[in-house]
Amino acid sequence: MLVIVVLLAYQKFLKPDTLDNLMSSDGKISIAVMPFRNMTNDTIWNVWQDGIKDNLITFFSNYSEDLTVRQTEAVNSVLQGKGLTNYASITPSVIKDISKTLEARLSWH
């Protein structure tokens, strides 16, 4: 359900030429799904941070003709390389830097 809402909002707010700018030379859009942050102050829900990310990666991987999805291992490797162990410390500017490192043109977090 979340993915459908995101895709509909994505199409509504981005102009068609913006979509072309996101495509790589092979005609696919490269995306990276970043870890989600538990904002409930209840650590029991931390399991959902990786669960949501992994489910989105699996879902987007089913569209391999249109999307190139950076896998969990690649994202985790970059996060560890930058010393980011706390998902709360991942700011939009850090996400932009990580996306650039992963050669992803889109990131969901």
N, C-alpha and C. Protein backbone atom coordinates (compact mmCIF):
# COMPACT_ATOMS: atom_id res chain seq x y z
N MET A 1 0.82 -1.18 0.00
CA MET A 1 0.00 0.00 0.00
C MET A 1 0.87 1.26 0.00
N LEU A 2 1.90 1.26 0.85
CA LEU A 2 2.81 2.40 0.93
C LEU A 2 3.49 2.66 -0.40
N VAL A 3 3.90 1.60 -1.06
CA VAL A 3 4.60 1.74 -2.33
C VAL A 3 3.68 2.33 -3.39
N ILE A 4 2.44 1.91 -3.41
CA ILE A 4 1.48 2.44 -4.38
C ILE A 4 1.29 3.94 -4.16
N VAL A 5 1.16 4.34 -2.90
CA VAL A 5 0.99 5.76 -2.59
C VAL A 5 2.22 6.55 -3.03
N VAL A 6 3.40 6.00 -2.74
CA VAL A 6 4.65 6.67 -3.13
C VAL A 6 4.73 6.81 -4.65
N LEU A 7 4.41 5.74 -5.37
CA LEU A 7 4.48 5.80 -6.83
C LEU A 7 3.48 6.79 -7.41
N LEU A 8 2.28 6.83 -6.86
CA LEU A 8 1.28 7.79 -7.35
C LEU A 8 1.71 9.22 -7.05
N ALA A 9 2.22 9.46 -5.86
CA ALA A 9 2.70 10.80 -5.51
C ALA A 9 3.89 11.18 -6.36
N TYR A 10 4.75 10.22 -6.62
CA TYR A 10 5.94 10.43 -7.43
C TYR A 10 5.55 10.90 -8.83
N GLN A 11 4.59 10.21 -9.43
CA GLN A 11 4.15 10.57 -10.78
C GLN A 11 3.45 11.91 -10.80
N LYS A 12 2.75 12.25 -9.74
CA LYS A 12 2.00 13.50 -9.71
C LYS A 12 2.92 14.72 -9.56
N PHE A 13 3.97 14.58 -8.76
CA PHE A 13 4.80 15.73 -8.44
C PHE A 13 6.01 15.90 -9.34
N LEU A 14 6.42 14.87 -10.04
CA LEU A 14 7.58 14.99 -10.92
C LEU A 14 7.14 15.16 -12.36
N LYS A 15 7.78 16.03 -13.05
CA LYS A 15 7.48 16.24 -14.45
C LYS A 15 8.08 15.09 -15.27
N PRO A 16 7.53 14.77 -16.43
CA PRO A 16 8.06 13.66 -17.23
C PRO A 16 9.55 13.79 -17.54
N ASP A 17 10.05 15.00 -17.80
CA ASP A 17 11.47 15.16 -18.11
C ASP A 17 12.35 14.87 -16.90
N THR A 18 11.79 15.05 -15.69
CA THR A 18 12.53 14.71 -14.48
C THR A 18 12.75 13.22 -14.42
N LEU A 19 11.76 12.44 -14.82
CA LEU A 19 11.90 10.99 -14.84
C LEU A 19 13.00 10.58 -15.80
N ASP A 20 13.10 11.25 -16.93
CA ASP A 20 14.17 10.95 -17.89
C ASP A 20 15.54 11.25 -17.29
N ASN A 21 15.64 12.29 -16.48
CA ASN A 21 16.91 12.64 -15.84
C ASN A 21 17.35 11.59 -14.83
N LEU A 22 16.41 10.82 -14.30
CA LEU A 22 16.74 9.80 -13.31
C LEU A 22 17.25 8.51 -13.95
N MET A 23 16.99 8.33 -15.21
CA MET A 23 17.38 7.10 -15.89
C MET A 23 18.85 7.09 -16.24
N SER A 24 19.46 5.95 -16.06
CA SER A 24 20.86 5.79 -16.44
C SER A 24 20.93 5.48 -17.93
N SER A 25 22.13 5.27 -18.43
CA SER A 25 22.31 5.03 -19.86
C SER A 25 21.61 3.75 -20.32
N ASP A 26 21.38 2.81 -19.41
CA ASP A 26 20.69 1.57 -19.80
C ASP A 26 19.17 1.70 -19.73
N GLY A 27 18.66 2.90 -19.42
CA GLY A 27 17.23 3.14 -19.39
C GLY A 27 16.55 2.73 -18.09
N LYS A 28 17.33 2.36 -17.09
CA LYS A 28 16.77 1.97 -15.80
C LYS A 28 17.00 3.08 -14.78
N ILE A 29 16.17 3.08 -13.75
CA ILE A 29 16.33 4.01 -12.64
C ILE A 29 17.00 3.24 -11.51
N SER A 30 18.10 3.79 -11.01
CA SER A 30 18.82 3.16 -9.91
C SER A 30 18.30 3.72 -8.59
N ILE A 31 17.91 2.81 -7.68
CA ILE A 31 17.40 3.27 -6.39
C ILE A 31 18.12 2.54 -5.26
N ALA A 32 18.15 3.21 -4.12
CA ALA A 32 18.67 2.63 -2.88
C ALA A 32 17.64 2.90 -1.79
N VAL A 33 17.29 1.86 -1.07
CA VAL A 33 16.35 2.00 0.04
C VAL A 33 17.17 2.04 1.32
N MET A 34 17.09 3.17 2.01
CA MET A 34 17.85 3.37 3.23
C MET A 34 17.06 2.82 4.42
N PRO A 35 17.75 2.56 5.52
CA PRO A 35 17.04 2.08 6.72
C PRO A 35 16.05 3.12 7.23
N PHE A 36 14.96 2.63 7.77
CA PHE A 36 13.96 3.50 8.36
C PHE A 36 14.31 3.73 9.81
N ARG A 37 13.90 4.86 10.34
CA ARG A 37 14.20 5.21 11.73
C ARG A 37 12.96 5.00 12.59
N ASN A 38 13.12 4.29 13.69
CA ASN A 38 12.04 4.09 14.65
C ASN A 38 11.89 5.38 15.46
N MET A 39 10.78 6.04 15.31
CA MET A 39 10.56 7.33 15.99
C MET A 39 9.59 7.19 17.17
N THR A 40 9.37 5.96 17.63
CA THR A 40 8.37 5.74 18.68
C THR A 40 8.94 5.78 20.09
N ASN A 41 10.26 5.82 20.24
CA ASN A 41 10.92 5.75 21.55
C ASN A 41 10.71 4.40 22.23
N ASP A 42 10.23 3.41 21.50
CA ASP A 42 10.04 2.06 22.02
C ASP A 42 10.93 1.13 21.20
N THR A 43 12.00 0.66 21.80
CA THR A 43 12.99 -0.13 21.06
C THR A 43 12.46 -1.46 20.56
N ILE A 44 11.33 -1.91 21.07
CA ILE A 44 10.77 -3.17 20.60
C ILE A 44 10.40 -3.10 19.11
N TRP A 45 10.17 -1.89 18.61
CA TRP A 45 9.79 -1.70 17.21
C TRP A 45 11.00 -1.56 16.28
N ASN A 46 12.21 -1.59 16.81
CA ASN A 46 13.41 -1.45 15.99
C ASN A 46 13.52 -2.51 14.90
N VAL A 47 12.93 -3.68 15.13
CA VAL A 47 12.99 -4.76 14.14
C VAL A 47 12.35 -4.32 12.82
N TRP A 48 11.41 -3.39 12.88
CA TRP A 48 10.73 -2.92 11.68
C TRP A 48 11.63 -2.05 10.81
N GLN A 49 12.66 -1.44 11.40
CA GLN A 49 13.56 -0.58 10.62
C GLN A 49 14.14 -1.35 9.44
N ASP A 50 14.69 -2.51 9.70
CA ASP A 50 15.27 -3.31 8.62
C ASP A 50 14.21 -4.08 7.85
N GLY A 51 13.14 -4.47 8.54
CA GLY A 51 12.08 -5.24 7.88
C GLY A 51 11.41 -4.47 6.75
N ILE A 52 11.09 -3.22 7.00
CA ILE A 52 10.47 -2.39 5.97
C ILE A 52 11.42 -2.19 4.80
N LYS A 53 12.67 -1.89 5.13
CA LYS A 53 13.69 -1.69 4.08
C LYS A 53 13.83 -2.95 3.22
N ASP A 54 13.95 -4.10 3.86
CA ASP A 54 14.13 -5.35 3.12
C ASP A 54 12.92 -5.69 2.25
N ASN A 55 11.72 -5.42 2.76
CA ASN A 55 10.51 -5.67 1.97
C ASN A 55 10.44 -4.76 0.75
N LEU A 56 10.81 -3.50 0.91
CA LEU A 56 10.81 -2.59 -0.23
C LEU A 56 11.84 -3.00 -1.27
N ILE A 57 13.02 -3.42 -0.81
CA ILE A 57 14.05 -3.89 -1.76
C ILE A 57 13.54 -5.09 -2.53
N THR A 58 12.92 -6.03 -1.84
CA THR A 58 12.37 -7.22 -2.50
C THR A 58 11.30 -6.82 -3.51
N PHE A 59 10.41 -5.92 -3.12
CA PHE A 59 9.34 -5.49 -4.01
C PHE A 59 9.90 -4.83 -5.26
N PHE A 60 10.81 -3.87 -5.08
CA PHE A 60 11.36 -3.15 -6.23
C PHE A 60 12.22 -4.06 -7.11
N SER A 61 12.82 -5.07 -6.53
CA SER A 61 13.64 -6.01 -7.30
C SER A 61 12.81 -6.81 -8.30
N ASN A 62 11.52 -6.90 -8.06
CA ASN A 62 10.63 -7.59 -9.00
C ASN A 62 10.42 -6.82 -10.30
N TYR A 63 10.88 -5.58 -10.34
CA TYR A 63 10.74 -4.74 -11.53
C TYR A 63 12.10 -4.48 -12.16
N SER A 64 12.86 -5.56 -12.34
CA SER A 64 14.24 -5.44 -12.81
C SER A 64 14.35 -4.89 -14.23
N GLU A 65 13.27 -4.90 -14.99
CA GLU A 65 13.34 -4.34 -16.34
C GLU A 65 13.35 -2.81 -16.31
N ASP A 66 12.87 -2.21 -15.23
CA ASP A 66 12.81 -0.76 -15.11
C ASP A 66 13.73 -0.19 -14.03
N LEU A 67 14.03 -1.00 -13.03
CA LEU A 67 14.77 -0.52 -11.86
C LEU A 67 16.03 -1.33 -11.61
N THR A 68 17.05 -0.65 -11.15
CA THR A 68 18.23 -1.30 -10.61
C THR A 68 18.23 -0.96 -9.12
N VAL A 69 18.11 -1.98 -8.29
CA VAL A 69 17.97 -1.78 -6.86
C VAL A 69 19.27 -2.17 -6.16
N ARG A 70 19.78 -1.25 -5.35
CA ARG A 70 20.96 -1.55 -4.56
C ARG A 70 20.55 -2.46 -3.42
N GLN A 71 21.22 -3.58 -3.29
CA GLN A 71 20.85 -4.58 -2.29
C GLN A 71 21.30 -4.17 -0.89
N THR A 72 20.70 -4.81 0.11
CA THR A 72 20.95 -4.50 1.51
C THR A 72 22.43 -4.50 1.85
N GLU A 73 23.16 -5.48 1.33
CA GLU A 73 24.59 -5.60 1.65
C GLU A 73 25.36 -4.37 1.19
N ALA A 74 25.02 -3.86 0.01
CA ALA A 74 25.71 -2.67 -0.52
C ALA A 74 25.42 -1.45 0.34
N VAL A 75 24.17 -1.26 0.70
CA VAL A 75 23.77 -0.12 1.52
C VAL A 75 24.44 -0.22 2.90
N ASN A 76 24.37 -1.41 3.51
CA ASN A 76 24.97 -1.60 4.83
C ASN A 76 26.48 -1.38 4.80
N SER A 77 27.13 -1.81 3.74
CA SER A 77 28.57 -1.63 3.61
C SER A 77 28.94 -0.15 3.59
N VAL A 78 28.19 0.64 2.84
CA VAL A 78 28.45 2.08 2.77
C VAL A 78 28.17 2.73 4.13
N LEU A 79 27.06 2.33 4.78
CA LEU A 79 26.73 2.89 6.09
C LEU A 79 27.84 2.59 7.10
N GLN A 80 28.32 1.35 7.10
CA GLN A 80 29.39 0.98 8.03
C GLN A 80 30.69 1.70 7.69
N GLY A 81 30.97 1.86 6.40
CA GLY A 81 32.17 2.57 5.98
C GLY A 81 32.18 4.02 6.42
N LYS A 82 30.99 4.60 6.55
CA LYS A 82 30.88 5.99 7.00
C LYS A 82 30.69 6.08 8.51
N GLY A 83 30.72 4.92 9.19
CA GLY A 83 30.60 4.91 10.64
C GLY A 83 29.19 5.19 11.14
N LEU A 84 28.18 4.94 10.32
CA LEU A 84 26.79 5.22 10.71
C LEU A 84 26.14 3.95 11.25
N THR A 85 26.09 3.84 12.55
CA THR A 85 25.46 2.68 13.18
C THR A 85 24.10 3.03 13.77
N ASN A 86 23.86 4.31 13.96
CA ASN A 86 22.60 4.78 14.51
C ASN A 86 21.79 5.40 13.38
N TYR A 87 20.66 4.80 13.07
CA TYR A 87 19.84 5.29 11.95
C TYR A 87 19.35 6.71 12.17
N ALA A 88 19.24 7.14 13.41
CA ALA A 88 18.78 8.51 13.71
C ALA A 88 19.78 9.55 13.22
N SER A 89 21.02 9.14 13.03
CA SER A 89 22.05 10.10 12.59
C SER A 89 22.10 10.26 11.07
N ILE A 90 21.23 9.56 10.37
CA ILE A 90 21.22 9.65 8.91
C ILE A 90 20.34 10.82 8.50
N THR A 91 20.96 11.91 8.12
CA THR A 91 20.26 13.12 7.71
C THR A 91 20.06 13.11 6.19
N PRO A 92 19.20 13.97 5.67
CA PRO A 92 19.01 14.03 4.22
C PRO A 92 20.31 14.28 3.46
N SER A 93 21.21 15.10 3.99
CA SER A 93 22.47 15.34 3.29
C SER A 93 23.34 14.09 3.28
N VAL A 94 23.30 13.31 4.37
CA VAL A 94 24.06 12.06 4.41
C VAL A 94 23.46 11.06 3.42
N ILE A 95 22.15 11.02 3.33
CA ILE A 95 21.48 10.12 2.39
C ILE A 95 21.87 10.48 0.96
N LYS A 96 21.93 11.76 0.66
CA LYS A 96 22.33 12.20 -0.68
C LYS A 96 23.75 11.73 -0.98
N ASP A 97 24.65 11.84 -0.01
CA ASP A 97 26.03 11.39 -0.18
C ASP A 97 26.09 9.87 -0.37
N ILE A 98 25.32 9.13 0.41
CA ILE A 98 25.30 7.67 0.30
C ILE A 98 24.74 7.26 -1.06
N SER A 99 23.69 7.93 -1.50
CA SER A 99 23.11 7.62 -2.82
C SER A 99 24.13 7.84 -3.93
N LYS A 100 24.88 8.91 -3.81
CA LYS A 100 25.92 9.20 -4.80
C LYS A 100 26.98 8.10 -4.80
N THR A 101 27.39 7.66 -3.60
CA THR A 101 28.38 6.59 -3.48
C THR A 101 27.86 5.30 -4.11
N LEU A 102 26.57 5.01 -3.93
CA LEU A 102 25.97 3.80 -4.46
C LEU A 102 25.55 3.94 -5.92
N GLU A 103 25.78 5.11 -6.49
CA GLU A 103 25.36 5.43 -7.85
C GLU A 103 23.86 5.19 -8.03
N ALA A 104 23.10 5.59 -7.01
CA ALA A 104 21.64 5.50 -7.06
C ALA A 104 21.10 6.90 -7.28
N ARG A 105 20.12 7.01 -8.14
CA ARG A 105 19.56 8.33 -8.42
C ARG A 105 18.36 8.65 -7.55
N LEU A 106 17.84 7.62 -6.87
CA LEU A 106 16.71 7.80 -5.95
C LEU A 106 16.99 7.06 -4.67
N SER A 107 16.54 7.62 -3.56
CA SER A 107 16.65 6.96 -2.26
C SER A 107 15.36 7.11 -1.50
N TRP A 108 14.92 6.02 -0.88
CA TRP A 108 13.78 6.09 0.03
C TRP A 108 14.28 5.83 1.41
N HIS A 109 13.79 6.61 2.35
CA HIS A 109 14.17 6.44 3.74
C HIS A 109 13.01 6.79 4.64
